[in-house]
């Protein structure tokens, strides 16, 4: 599969079971728990995935990782606007 250029611009919200400064974003490891569970969401002010426009759409994702995010083995459940097209959801 070829690399696809993508970009999203907008304000987002994120919340998880870590301390307020979200150590996953700073030191790379969840704290005080070993894993990370939470949610993130964003209304997309400007966005593209390849040639597919994403402007004006919103998304939310819930997630769970057994350890640090970069160690993998996490699961996510994405939710997208009802107004998205099949091409935008894909």
C-alpha atoms as a PDB file:
ATOM      1  CA  UNK A   1       0.000   0.000   0.000  1.00  0.00           C
ATOM      2  CA  UNK A   2       1.357   3.427  -0.941  1.00  0.00           C
ATOM      3  CA  UNK A   3       1.893   6.113   1.665  1.00  0.00           C
ATOM      4  CA  UNK A   4      -1.028   8.540   1.895  1.00  0.00           C
ATOM      5  CA  UNK A   5      -0.541  12.175   2.836  1.00  0.00           C
ATOM      6  CA  UNK A   6      -3.002  13.206   5.529  1.00  0.00           C
ATOM      7  CA  UNK A   7      -3.617  16.167   7.827  1.00  0.00           C
ATOM      8  CA  UNK A   8      -6.184  17.327  10.390  1.00  0.00           C
ATOM      9  CA  UNK A   9      -6.339  20.804  11.887  1.00  0.00           C
ATOM     10  CA  UNK A  10      -8.601  21.809  14.777  1.00  0.00           C
ATOM     11  CA  UNK A  11      -8.950  21.791  18.527  1.00  0.00           C
ATOM     12  CA  UNK A  12      -9.256  18.450  20.253  1.00  0.00           C
ATOM     13  CA  UNK A  13     -10.212  17.102  23.636  1.00  0.00           C
ATOM     14  CA  UNK A  14      -8.598  14.118  25.311  1.00  0.00           C
ATOM     15  CA  UNK A  15      -9.123  12.471  28.673  1.00  0.00           C
ATOM     16  CA  UNK A  16      -7.672   9.320  30.184  1.00  0.00           C
ATOM     17  CA  UNK A  17      -6.957   7.575  33.470  1.00  0.00           C
ATOM     18  CA  UNK A  18      -3.482   9.146  33.787  1.00  0.00           C
ATOM     19  CA  UNK A  19      -2.507  12.206  35.808  1.00  0.00           C
ATOM     20  CA  UNK A  20      -3.527  15.571  34.350  1.00  0.00           C
ATOM     21  CA  UNK A  21      -0.322  16.223  32.374  1.00  0.00           C
ATOM     22  CA  UNK A  22      -0.782  12.965  30.383  1.00  0.00           C
ATOM     23  CA  UNK A  23       2.621  11.343  30.747  1.00  0.00           C
ATOM     24  CA  UNK A  24       2.007   9.337  27.544  1.00  0.00           C
ATOM     25  CA  UNK A  25       2.509  12.665  25.714  1.00  0.00           C
ATOM     26  CA  UNK A  26       5.516  13.731  27.797  1.00  0.00           C
ATOM     27  CA  UNK A  27       7.542  10.809  29.209  1.00  0.00           C
ATOM     28  CA  UNK A  28       5.914   8.138  27.028  1.00  0.00           C
ATOM     29  CA  UNK A  29       4.570   5.943  29.833  1.00  0.00           C
ATOM     30  CA  UNK A  30       1.155   5.969  31.586  1.00  0.00           C
ATOM     31  CA  UNK A  31       1.005   6.932  35.267  1.00  0.00           C
ATOM     32  CA  UNK A  32      -0.192   6.110  37.921  1.00  0.00           C
ATOM     33  CA  UNK A  33      -1.667   3.001  36.266  1.00  0.00           C
ATOM     34  CA  UNK A  34       0.324   0.637  34.052  1.00  0.00           C
ATOM     35  CA  UNK A  35      -2.066   1.049  31.106  1.00  0.00           C
ATOM     36  CA  UNK A  36      -4.043   3.821  29.466  1.00  0.00           C
ATOM     37  CA  UNK A  37      -7.798   4.000  28.883  1.00  0.00           C
ATOM     38  CA  UNK A  38      -9.560   7.072  27.607  1.00  0.00           C
ATOM     39  CA  UNK A  39     -11.119   9.036  24.787  1.00  0.00           C
ATOM     40  CA  UNK A  40     -10.220  11.751  22.307  1.00  0.00           C
ATOM     41  CA  UNK A  41     -12.303  13.765  19.877  1.00  0.00           C
ATOM     42  CA  UNK A  42     -12.017  16.578  17.345  1.00  0.00           C
ATOM     43  CA  UNK A  43     -14.155  18.715  15.094  1.00  0.00           C
ATOM     44  CA  UNK A  44     -11.973  18.946  11.962  1.00  0.00           C
ATOM     45  CA  UNK A  45     -11.602  22.574  10.847  1.00  0.00           C
ATOM     46  CA  UNK A  46      -9.436  21.544   7.897  1.00  0.00           C
ATOM     47  CA  UNK A  47      -8.472  18.051   6.896  1.00  0.00           C
ATOM     48  CA  UNK A  48      -7.563  15.695   4.081  1.00  0.00           C
ATOM     49  CA  UNK A  49      -6.698  12.041   3.700  1.00  0.00           C
ATOM     50  CA  UNK A  50      -5.079  11.833   0.293  1.00  0.00           C
ATOM     51  CA  UNK A  51      -7.654  13.446  -2.007  1.00  0.00           C
ATOM     52  CA  UNK A  52     -10.563  12.974   0.418  1.00  0.00           C
ATOM     53  CA  UNK A  53     -11.672  16.207   2.139  1.00  0.00           C
ATOM     54  CA  UNK A  54     -12.495  15.961   5.851  1.00  0.00           C
ATOM     55  CA  UNK A  55     -13.310  19.646   6.539  1.00  0.00           C
ATOM     56  CA  UNK A  56     -16.237  20.138   8.935  1.00  0.00           C
ATOM     57  CA  UNK A  57     -16.455  16.533  10.134  1.00  0.00           C
ATOM     58  CA  UNK A  58     -16.046  15.356  13.715  1.00  0.00           C
ATOM     59  CA  UNK A  59     -14.709  12.170  15.240  1.00  0.00           C
ATOM     60  CA  UNK A  60     -14.342  10.551  18.650  1.00  0.00           C
ATOM     61  CA  UNK A  61     -12.339   7.497  19.620  1.00  0.00           C
ATOM     62  CA  UNK A  62     -12.265   5.458  22.812  1.00  0.00           C
ATOM     63  CA  UNK A  63      -9.063   3.551  23.475  1.00  0.00           C
ATOM     64  CA  UNK A  64      -7.372   1.095  25.781  1.00  0.00           C
ATOM     65  CA  UNK A  65      -3.695   0.150  25.951  1.00  0.00           C
ATOM     66  CA  UNK A  66      -2.267  -2.439  28.367  1.00  0.00           C
ATOM     67  CA  UNK A  67       0.947  -0.399  28.729  1.00  0.00           C
ATOM     68  CA  UNK A  68       2.639   2.489  26.972  1.00  0.00           C
ATOM     69  CA  UNK A  69       1.075   3.474  23.643  1.00  0.00           C
ATOM     70  CA  UNK A  70       4.303   2.977  21.702  1.00  0.00           C
ATOM     71  CA  UNK A  71       4.480  -0.625  22.937  1.00  0.00           C
ATOM     72  CA  UNK A  72       1.353  -1.438  20.934  1.00  0.00           C
ATOM     73  CA  UNK A  73      -1.346  -4.044  21.556  1.00  0.00           C
ATOM     74  CA  UNK A  74      -4.004  -1.371  22.124  1.00  0.00           C
ATOM     75  CA  UNK A  75      -7.585  -1.326  20.943  1.00  0.00           C
ATOM     76  CA  UNK A  76      -9.670   1.579  19.671  1.00  0.00           C
ATOM     77  CA  UNK A  77     -13.331   2.134  18.861  1.00  0.00           C
ATOM     78  CA  UNK A  78     -13.794   5.028  16.412  1.00  0.00           C
ATOM     79  CA  UNK A  79     -17.000   7.019  15.972  1.00  0.00           C
ATOM     80  CA  UNK A  80     -17.564   9.418  13.059  1.00  0.00           C
ATOM     81  CA  UNK A  81     -20.246  11.940  12.120  1.00  0.00           C
ATOM     82  CA  UNK A  82     -23.408  10.465  10.666  1.00  0.00           C
ATOM     83  CA  UNK A  83     -22.905  12.887   7.748  1.00  0.00           C
ATOM     84  CA  UNK A  84     -19.650  11.262   6.624  1.00  0.00           C
ATOM     85  CA  UNK A  85     -19.558   9.513   3.283  1.00  0.00           C
ATOM     86  CA  UNK A  86     -18.371   5.922   2.931  1.00  0.00           C
ATOM     87  CA  UNK A  87     -15.166   7.221   1.352  1.00  0.00           C
ATOM     88  CA  UNK A  88     -14.531   9.521   4.359  1.00  0.00           C
ATOM     89  CA  UNK A  89     -15.209   6.724   6.864  1.00  0.00           C
ATOM     90  CA  UNK A  90     -12.827   4.384   5.070  1.00  0.00           C
END
